[in-house]
Amino acid sequence: MSLEDAIEYIECDYDEPRQPLGNDFWRYYERIKADKPQFRVSKSPQSIEIKALNNVQSAIRFYKDELGDLLPFAKKVVKDIRDYRSIPKYSLRRLCKEDITPESPDLLSDFLEELRNVKNIVGDNFLERLDNRVGKLESEVIIGIENRKV
């Protein structure tokens, strides 16, 4: 469950007194930490990120030669969408205008122009700058919520 979905179950007034945790809370918490399940917020196939990712991946797969000097940048865009999501949505929208498929070579020139525009906006080395700032940090957030009758 995403935090947005869970918030209605955990929100309270500022002055509401804290409730003690149950006897089993920490045992369950440690079990969850040990299992480390991978929870991902599902994205609609119609989302901007998914459409942009699909288009860039299709361009790399089907039109690698036509990408030319944009190929390394296109690969950076894929990595960013998958790992960082730092490219602004207004830039990603540029990559969603048309669906890039093997049957759409006539759309490629417009797509390449939009990819160049995105490159001009975020810069060619945006991913390197981001990697330097973030480093090799891994973050994990576990929010433990105990449902109890009060």
N, C-alpha and C. Protein backbone atom coordinates (compact mmCIF):
# COMPACT_ATOMS: atom_id res chain seq x y z
N MET A 1 0.86 -1.18 0.00
CA MET A 1 0.00 0.00 0.00
C MET A 1 0.90 1.23 0.00
N SER A 2 0.58 2.17 -0.82
CA SER A 2 1.37 3.40 -0.85
C SER A 2 1.03 4.27 0.36
N LEU A 3 1.92 5.20 0.66
CA LEU A 3 1.68 6.10 1.78
C LEU A 3 0.42 6.93 1.55
N GLU A 4 0.20 7.31 0.29
CA GLU A 4 -1.00 8.10 -0.02
C GLU A 4 -2.28 7.33 0.33
N ASP A 5 -2.27 6.00 0.09
CA ASP A 5 -3.44 5.19 0.40
C ASP A 5 -3.57 4.94 1.90
N ALA A 6 -2.45 4.87 2.60
CA ALA A 6 -2.46 4.53 4.02
C ALA A 6 -2.72 5.73 4.92
N ILE A 7 -2.52 6.93 4.44
CA ILE A 7 -2.56 8.12 5.28
C ILE A 7 -3.87 8.27 6.04
N GLU A 8 -4.98 7.91 5.40
CA GLU A 8 -6.26 8.06 6.08
C GLU A 8 -6.38 7.16 7.31
N TYR A 9 -5.61 6.08 7.35
CA TYR A 9 -5.66 5.16 8.49
C TYR A 9 -4.73 5.56 9.62
N ILE A 10 -3.76 6.43 9.33
CA ILE A 10 -2.77 6.76 10.35
C ILE A 10 -2.78 8.22 10.78
N GLU A 11 -3.53 9.06 10.09
CA GLU A 11 -3.52 10.46 10.48
C GLU A 11 -4.28 10.66 11.79
N CYS A 12 -3.85 11.66 12.52
CA CYS A 12 -4.50 11.97 13.80
C CYS A 12 -4.33 13.46 14.07
N ASP A 13 -5.03 13.94 15.07
CA ASP A 13 -4.89 15.33 15.48
C ASP A 13 -3.55 15.52 16.18
N TYR A 14 -3.05 16.74 16.15
CA TYR A 14 -1.75 17.05 16.72
C TYR A 14 -1.70 16.71 18.21
N ASP A 15 -2.77 16.99 18.93
CA ASP A 15 -2.75 16.78 20.38
C ASP A 15 -3.27 15.41 20.81
N GLU A 16 -3.47 14.50 19.87
CA GLU A 16 -3.93 13.16 20.23
C GLU A 16 -2.81 12.43 20.97
N PRO A 17 -3.15 11.81 22.11
CA PRO A 17 -2.10 11.14 22.89
C PRO A 17 -1.52 9.93 22.16
N ARG A 18 -0.24 9.70 22.36
CA ARG A 18 0.46 8.57 21.76
C ARG A 18 -0.05 7.28 22.41
N GLN A 19 -0.21 6.26 21.59
CA GLN A 19 -0.64 4.95 22.09
C GLN A 19 0.58 4.05 22.23
N PRO A 20 0.63 3.22 23.26
CA PRO A 20 1.77 2.32 23.39
C PRO A 20 1.72 1.23 22.31
N LEU A 21 2.89 0.77 21.92
CA LEU A 21 2.97 -0.30 20.93
C LEU A 21 2.62 -1.63 21.60
N GLY A 22 2.05 -2.53 20.80
CA GLY A 22 1.73 -3.85 21.31
C GLY A 22 2.97 -4.70 21.53
N ASN A 23 2.80 -5.81 22.23
CA ASN A 23 3.93 -6.68 22.56
C ASN A 23 4.60 -7.28 21.32
N ASP A 24 3.86 -7.47 20.26
CA ASP A 24 4.40 -8.12 19.07
C ASP A 24 4.92 -7.16 18.01
N PHE A 25 4.78 -5.87 18.22
CA PHE A 25 5.14 -4.90 17.18
C PHE A 25 6.56 -5.07 16.69
N TRP A 26 7.54 -5.06 17.60
CA TRP A 26 8.95 -5.09 17.16
C TRP A 26 9.33 -6.43 16.54
N ARG A 27 8.71 -7.50 16.99
CA ARG A 27 8.98 -8.81 16.38
C ARG A 27 8.53 -8.78 14.91
N TYR A 28 7.34 -8.25 14.64
CA TYR A 28 6.85 -8.15 13.27
C TYR A 28 7.68 -7.16 12.45
N TYR A 29 8.07 -6.09 13.08
CA TYR A 29 8.88 -5.08 12.40
C TYR A 29 10.21 -5.70 11.93
N GLU A 30 10.87 -6.43 12.80
CA GLU A 30 12.15 -7.07 12.43
C GLU A 30 11.95 -8.10 11.33
N ARG A 31 10.82 -8.78 11.34
CA ARG A 31 10.53 -9.76 10.30
C ARG A 31 10.37 -9.07 8.94
N ILE A 32 9.69 -7.95 8.94
CA ILE A 32 9.50 -7.18 7.71
C ILE A 32 10.86 -6.68 7.21
N LYS A 33 11.68 -6.17 8.11
CA LYS A 33 13.01 -5.69 7.72
C LYS A 33 13.85 -6.81 7.13
N ALA A 34 13.78 -7.99 7.70
CA ALA A 34 14.59 -9.12 7.23
C ALA A 34 14.14 -9.58 5.85
N ASP A 35 12.85 -9.56 5.59
CA ASP A 35 12.33 -10.03 4.30
C ASP A 35 12.62 -9.04 3.19
N LYS A 36 12.65 -7.76 3.52
CA LYS A 36 12.87 -6.68 2.55
C LYS A 36 12.11 -6.88 1.26
N PRO A 37 10.80 -6.95 1.34
CA PRO A 37 10.04 -7.08 0.09
C PRO A 37 10.17 -5.82 -0.74
N GLN A 38 10.03 -5.97 -2.02
CA GLN A 38 10.11 -4.84 -2.93
C GLN A 38 8.71 -4.34 -3.23
N PHE A 39 8.36 -3.21 -2.66
CA PHE A 39 7.07 -2.60 -2.92
C PHE A 39 7.28 -1.47 -3.90
N ARG A 40 6.53 -1.48 -4.95
CA ARG A 40 6.61 -0.40 -5.93
C ARG A 40 5.20 0.13 -6.14
N VAL A 41 5.13 1.41 -6.22
CA VAL A 41 3.85 2.02 -6.55
C VAL A 41 3.59 1.73 -8.01
N SER A 42 2.47 1.09 -8.28
CA SER A 42 2.21 0.74 -9.67
C SER A 42 1.93 2.00 -10.47
N LYS A 43 2.47 2.01 -11.65
CA LYS A 43 2.27 3.16 -12.53
C LYS A 43 1.34 2.75 -13.65
N SER A 44 0.44 3.60 -13.97
CA SER A 44 -0.46 3.36 -15.08
C SER A 44 0.32 3.38 -16.38
N PRO A 45 -0.04 2.50 -17.32
CA PRO A 45 0.64 2.55 -18.62
C PRO A 45 0.45 3.89 -19.33
N GLN A 46 -0.51 4.68 -18.86
CA GLN A 46 -0.77 5.98 -19.46
C GLN A 46 0.01 7.10 -18.78
N SER A 47 0.79 6.79 -17.73
CA SER A 47 1.52 7.85 -17.03
C SER A 47 2.61 8.42 -17.94
N ILE A 48 2.96 9.64 -17.68
CA ILE A 48 3.97 10.33 -18.47
C ILE A 48 5.30 9.59 -18.40
N GLU A 49 5.67 9.15 -17.20
CA GLU A 49 6.95 8.47 -17.03
C GLU A 49 7.00 7.18 -17.84
N ILE A 50 5.94 6.39 -17.79
CA ILE A 50 5.92 5.12 -18.50
C ILE A 50 5.90 5.34 -20.01
N LYS A 51 5.11 6.31 -20.46
CA LYS A 51 5.07 6.59 -21.90
C LYS A 51 6.43 7.07 -22.40
N ALA A 52 7.07 7.97 -21.65
CA ALA A 52 8.39 8.46 -22.05
C ALA A 52 9.40 7.32 -22.03
N LEU A 53 9.37 6.50 -21.00
CA LEU A 53 10.29 5.37 -20.91
C LEU A 53 10.10 4.42 -22.09
N ASN A 54 8.86 4.09 -22.39
CA ASN A 54 8.58 3.20 -23.52
C ASN A 54 9.07 3.79 -24.84
N ASN A 55 8.84 5.07 -25.04
CA ASN A 55 9.27 5.71 -26.29
C ASN A 55 10.80 5.74 -26.42
N VAL A 56 11.48 6.08 -25.35
CA VAL A 56 12.95 6.14 -25.42
C VAL A 56 13.52 4.74 -25.62
N GLN A 57 12.98 3.77 -24.89
CA GLN A 57 13.46 2.39 -25.07
C GLN A 57 13.17 1.88 -26.49
N SER A 58 12.01 2.21 -27.02
CA SER A 58 11.69 1.81 -28.40
C SER A 58 12.65 2.46 -29.39
N ALA A 59 12.95 3.73 -29.17
CA ALA A 59 13.89 4.42 -30.06
C ALA A 59 15.26 3.76 -30.00
N ILE A 60 15.71 3.41 -28.81
CA ILE A 60 17.01 2.75 -28.67
C ILE A 60 16.98 1.38 -29.36
N ARG A 61 15.90 0.67 -29.18
CA ARG A 61 15.81 -0.69 -29.72
C ARG A 61 15.65 -0.71 -31.24
N PHE A 62 14.76 0.11 -31.75
CA PHE A 62 14.41 0.03 -33.17
C PHE A 62 15.14 1.04 -34.06
N TYR A 63 15.63 2.13 -33.47
CA TYR A 63 16.23 3.19 -34.27
C TYR A 63 17.60 3.60 -33.71
N LYS A 64 18.36 2.63 -33.26
CA LYS A 64 19.66 2.89 -32.64
C LYS A 64 20.57 3.70 -33.56
N ASP A 65 20.65 3.30 -34.81
CA ASP A 65 21.53 4.01 -35.75
C ASP A 65 21.06 5.44 -35.99
N GLU A 66 19.75 5.63 -36.07
CA GLU A 66 19.21 6.96 -36.32
C GLU A 66 19.43 7.90 -35.14
N LEU A 67 19.55 7.35 -33.92
CA LEU A 67 19.78 8.19 -32.74
C LEU A 67 21.15 8.86 -32.81
N GLY A 68 22.11 8.17 -33.38
CA GLY A 68 23.44 8.75 -33.53
C GLY A 68 24.03 9.23 -32.23
N ASP A 69 24.40 10.52 -32.19
CA ASP A 69 25.03 11.10 -30.99
C ASP A 69 24.06 11.24 -29.82
N LEU A 70 22.77 11.04 -30.04
CA LEU A 70 21.79 11.10 -28.96
C LEU A 70 21.65 9.77 -28.21
N LEU A 71 22.27 8.71 -28.71
CA LEU A 71 22.14 7.39 -28.09
C LEU A 71 22.62 7.38 -26.63
N PRO A 72 23.81 7.91 -26.31
CA PRO A 72 24.21 7.91 -24.89
C PRO A 72 23.25 8.70 -24.01
N PHE A 73 22.75 9.82 -24.53
CA PHE A 73 21.80 10.61 -23.74
C PHE A 73 20.50 9.84 -23.54
N ALA A 74 20.02 9.14 -24.58
CA ALA A 74 18.79 8.36 -24.47
C ALA A 74 18.93 7.29 -23.38
N LYS A 75 20.09 6.66 -23.32
CA LYS A 75 20.34 5.65 -22.28
C LYS A 75 20.33 6.27 -20.89
N LYS A 76 20.84 7.50 -20.77
CA LYS A 76 20.81 8.21 -19.49
C LYS A 76 19.37 8.53 -19.09
N VAL A 77 18.55 8.88 -20.07
CA VAL A 77 17.14 9.17 -19.79
C VAL A 77 16.45 7.91 -19.23
N VAL A 78 16.73 6.76 -19.84
CA VAL A 78 16.14 5.50 -19.35
C VAL A 78 16.57 5.26 -17.92
N LYS A 79 17.86 5.40 -17.62
CA LYS A 79 18.35 5.17 -16.26
C LYS A 79 17.71 6.15 -15.28
N ASP A 80 17.57 7.39 -15.70
CA ASP A 80 16.97 8.38 -14.81
C ASP A 80 15.51 8.04 -14.51
N ILE A 81 14.75 7.69 -15.52
CA ILE A 81 13.33 7.38 -15.29
C ILE A 81 13.20 6.17 -14.38
N ARG A 82 14.06 5.18 -14.56
CA ARG A 82 13.98 3.97 -13.74
C ARG A 82 14.47 4.19 -12.31
N ASP A 83 15.57 4.93 -12.15
CA ASP A 83 16.23 4.98 -10.85
C ASP A 83 16.04 6.28 -10.07
N TYR A 84 15.97 7.42 -10.77
CA TYR A 84 15.98 8.69 -10.06
C TYR A 84 14.72 9.52 -10.21
N ARG A 85 14.16 9.52 -11.38
CA ARG A 85 13.00 10.35 -11.71
C ARG A 85 13.28 11.83 -11.45
N SER A 86 14.42 12.28 -11.97
CA SER A 86 14.79 13.67 -11.75
C SER A 86 14.41 14.58 -12.91
N ILE A 87 14.16 14.00 -14.08
CA ILE A 87 13.79 14.82 -15.23
C ILE A 87 12.37 15.34 -15.01
N PRO A 88 12.18 16.65 -15.13
CA PRO A 88 10.85 17.23 -14.88
C PRO A 88 9.80 16.65 -15.83
N LYS A 89 8.57 16.59 -15.32
CA LYS A 89 7.47 16.04 -16.13
C LYS A 89 7.25 16.84 -17.40
N TYR A 90 7.44 18.15 -17.32
CA TYR A 90 7.22 18.95 -18.54
C TYR A 90 8.22 18.56 -19.62
N SER A 91 9.41 18.11 -19.22
CA SER A 91 10.38 17.63 -20.21
C SER A 91 10.01 16.24 -20.71
N LEU A 92 9.53 15.39 -19.80
CA LEU A 92 9.12 14.05 -20.21
C LEU A 92 7.93 14.10 -21.16
N ARG A 93 7.06 15.08 -20.99
CA ARG A 93 5.90 15.21 -21.88
C ARG A 93 6.33 15.37 -23.34
N ARG A 94 7.47 15.98 -23.53
CA ARG A 94 7.99 16.15 -24.89
C ARG A 94 8.24 14.80 -25.56
N LEU A 95 8.57 13.80 -24.76
CA LEU A 95 8.90 12.49 -25.30
C LEU A 95 7.68 11.59 -25.43
N CYS A 96 6.51 12.10 -25.09
CA CYS A 96 5.27 11.32 -25.12
C CYS A 96 4.32 11.71 -26.24
N LYS A 97 4.71 12.65 -27.05
CA LYS A 97 3.77 13.19 -28.03
C LYS A 97 3.25 12.12 -28.99
N GLU A 98 4.13 11.24 -29.42
CA GLU A 98 3.75 10.16 -30.34
C GLU A 98 4.30 8.85 -29.81
N ASP A 99 3.68 7.74 -30.16
CA ASP A 99 4.18 6.43 -29.77
C ASP A 99 5.22 5.97 -30.78
N ILE A 100 6.42 5.73 -30.29
CA ILE A 100 7.51 5.26 -31.16
C ILE A 100 7.43 3.74 -31.24
N THR A 101 7.27 3.24 -32.45
CA THR A 101 7.18 1.80 -32.70
C THR A 101 8.03 1.49 -33.94
N PRO A 102 8.26 0.21 -34.22
CA PRO A 102 9.01 -0.12 -35.43
C PRO A 102 8.30 0.34 -36.70
N GLU A 103 6.98 0.53 -36.60
CA GLU A 103 6.19 0.95 -37.77
C GLU A 103 6.04 2.46 -37.86
N SER A 104 6.78 3.21 -37.05
CA SER A 104 6.59 4.66 -37.05
C SER A 104 7.86 5.45 -37.39
N PRO A 105 8.59 5.09 -38.42
CA PRO A 105 9.81 5.85 -38.74
C PRO A 105 9.51 7.30 -39.13
N ASP A 106 8.31 7.57 -39.59
CA ASP A 106 7.96 8.95 -39.97
C ASP A 106 7.85 9.86 -38.75
N LEU A 107 7.66 9.30 -37.55
CA LEU A 107 7.57 10.10 -36.32
C LEU A 107 8.93 10.34 -35.69
N LEU A 108 9.93 9.64 -36.17
CA LEU A 108 11.23 9.66 -35.52
C LEU A 108 11.90 11.03 -35.54
N SER A 109 11.80 11.76 -36.62
CA SER A 109 12.47 13.06 -36.68
C SER A 109 11.92 14.01 -35.62
N ASP A 110 10.59 14.01 -35.43
CA ASP A 110 10.00 14.85 -34.38
C ASP A 110 10.46 14.39 -33.00
N PHE A 111 10.51 13.07 -32.79
CA PHE A 111 10.96 12.53 -31.51
C PHE A 111 12.41 12.93 -31.23
N LEU A 112 13.25 12.82 -32.23
CA LEU A 112 14.66 13.19 -32.06
C LEU A 112 14.81 14.68 -31.72
N GLU A 113 13.99 15.49 -32.33
CA GLU A 113 14.01 16.92 -32.02
C GLU A 113 13.61 17.15 -30.57
N GLU A 114 12.59 16.45 -30.11
CA GLU A 114 12.16 16.59 -28.71
C GLU A 114 13.23 16.06 -27.76
N LEU A 115 13.89 14.96 -28.13
CA LEU A 115 14.96 14.42 -27.30
C LEU A 115 16.11 15.43 -27.20
N ARG A 116 16.42 16.11 -28.30
CA ARG A 116 17.44 17.17 -28.28
C ARG A 116 17.01 18.32 -27.38
N ASN A 117 15.72 18.68 -27.43
CA ASN A 117 15.21 19.74 -26.56
C ASN A 117 15.36 19.37 -25.10
N VAL A 118 15.04 18.12 -24.76
CA VAL A 118 15.19 17.66 -23.37
C VAL A 118 16.66 17.71 -22.97
N LYS A 119 17.54 17.29 -23.88
CA LYS A 119 18.98 17.34 -23.61
C LYS A 119 19.44 18.77 -23.34
N ASN A 120 18.91 19.73 -24.11
CA ASN A 120 19.26 21.13 -23.90
C ASN A 120 18.73 21.65 -22.56
N ILE A 121 17.59 21.15 -22.13
CA ILE A 121 17.00 21.59 -20.87
C ILE A 121 17.77 21.04 -19.67
N VAL A 122 18.00 19.71 -19.65
CA VAL A 122 18.61 19.09 -18.46
C VAL A 122 20.13 19.02 -18.54
N GLY A 123 20.68 19.14 -19.74
CA GLY A 123 22.12 19.06 -19.93
C GLY A 123 22.57 17.64 -20.22
N ASP A 124 23.67 17.54 -20.92
CA ASP A 124 24.18 16.22 -21.31
C ASP A 124 24.71 15.44 -20.11
N ASN A 125 25.22 16.14 -19.11
CA ASN A 125 25.82 15.45 -17.97
C ASN A 125 24.93 15.48 -16.72
N PHE A 126 23.62 15.58 -16.90
CA PHE A 126 22.71 15.67 -15.76
C PHE A 126 22.81 14.45 -14.85
N LEU A 127 22.99 13.27 -15.43
CA LEU A 127 23.04 12.05 -14.64
C LEU A 127 24.33 11.98 -13.83
N GLU A 128 25.43 12.40 -14.40
CA GLU A 128 26.70 12.41 -13.68
C GLU A 128 26.63 13.37 -12.50
N ARG A 129 26.03 14.55 -12.71
CA ARG A 129 25.87 15.51 -11.61
C ARG A 129 25.01 14.92 -10.51
N LEU A 130 23.95 14.23 -10.90
CA LEU A 130 23.05 13.61 -9.92
C LEU A 130 23.76 12.50 -9.16
N ASP A 131 24.51 11.66 -9.87
CA ASP A 131 25.27 10.59 -9.22
C ASP A 131 26.27 11.16 -8.22
N ASN A 132 26.92 12.27 -8.57
CA ASN A 132 27.88 12.89 -7.66
C ASN A 132 27.20 13.42 -6.40
N ARG A 133 26.01 13.97 -6.56
CA ARG A 133 25.29 14.50 -5.40
C ARG A 133 24.76 13.38 -4.52
N VAL A 134 24.19 12.37 -5.15
CA VAL A 134 23.56 11.29 -4.41
C VAL A 134 24.59 10.29 -3.92
N GLY A 135 25.62 10.05 -4.71
CA GLY A 135 26.61 9.05 -4.36
C GLY A 135 26.01 7.67 -4.48
N LYS A 136 26.48 6.79 -3.68
CA LYS A 136 26.02 5.40 -3.72
C LYS A 136 25.09 5.10 -2.55
N LEU A 137 24.34 6.09 -2.14
CA LEU A 137 23.41 5.90 -1.04
C LEU A 137 22.25 5.02 -1.43
N GLU A 138 21.87 4.18 -0.55
CA GLU A 138 20.64 3.41 -0.72
C GLU A 138 19.72 3.84 0.41
N SER A 139 18.52 4.14 0.07
CA SER A 139 17.59 4.54 1.12
C SER A 139 16.44 3.56 1.16
N GLU A 140 15.98 3.35 2.35
CA GLU A 140 14.86 2.46 2.54
C GLU A 140 14.02 3.03 3.66
N VAL A 141 12.76 3.07 3.46
CA VAL A 141 11.85 3.57 4.48
C VAL A 141 10.84 2.48 4.78
N ILE A 142 10.77 2.12 6.04
CA ILE A 142 9.76 1.17 6.48
C ILE A 142 8.88 1.93 7.46
N ILE A 143 7.61 1.99 7.15
CA ILE A 143 6.66 2.64 8.04
C ILE A 143 5.85 1.54 8.68
N GLY A 144 6.04 1.39 9.99
CA GLY A 144 5.31 0.36 10.72
C GLY A 144 4.05 0.92 11.33
N ILE A 145 2.94 0.34 10.99
CA ILE A 145 1.65 0.79 11.52
C ILE A 145 0.99 -0.40 12.20
N GLU A 146 0.59 -0.19 13.42
CA GLU A 146 -0.06 -1.27 14.17
C GLU A 146 -1.54 -0.93 14.33
N ASN A 147 -2.39 -1.77 13.82
CA ASN A 147 -3.83 -1.58 13.97
C ASN A 147 -4.26 -2.21 15.29
N ARG A 148 -4.78 -1.37 16.15
CA ARG A 148 -5.26 -1.87 17.45
C ARG A 148 -6.54 -1.15 17.80
N LYS A 149 -7.38 -1.87 18.47
CA LYS A 149 -8.60 -1.23 18.99
C LYS A 149 -8.26 -0.47 20.25
N VAL A 150 -8.76 0.75 20.35
CA VAL A 150 -8.47 1.58 21.51
C VAL A 150 -9.70 1.71 22.35
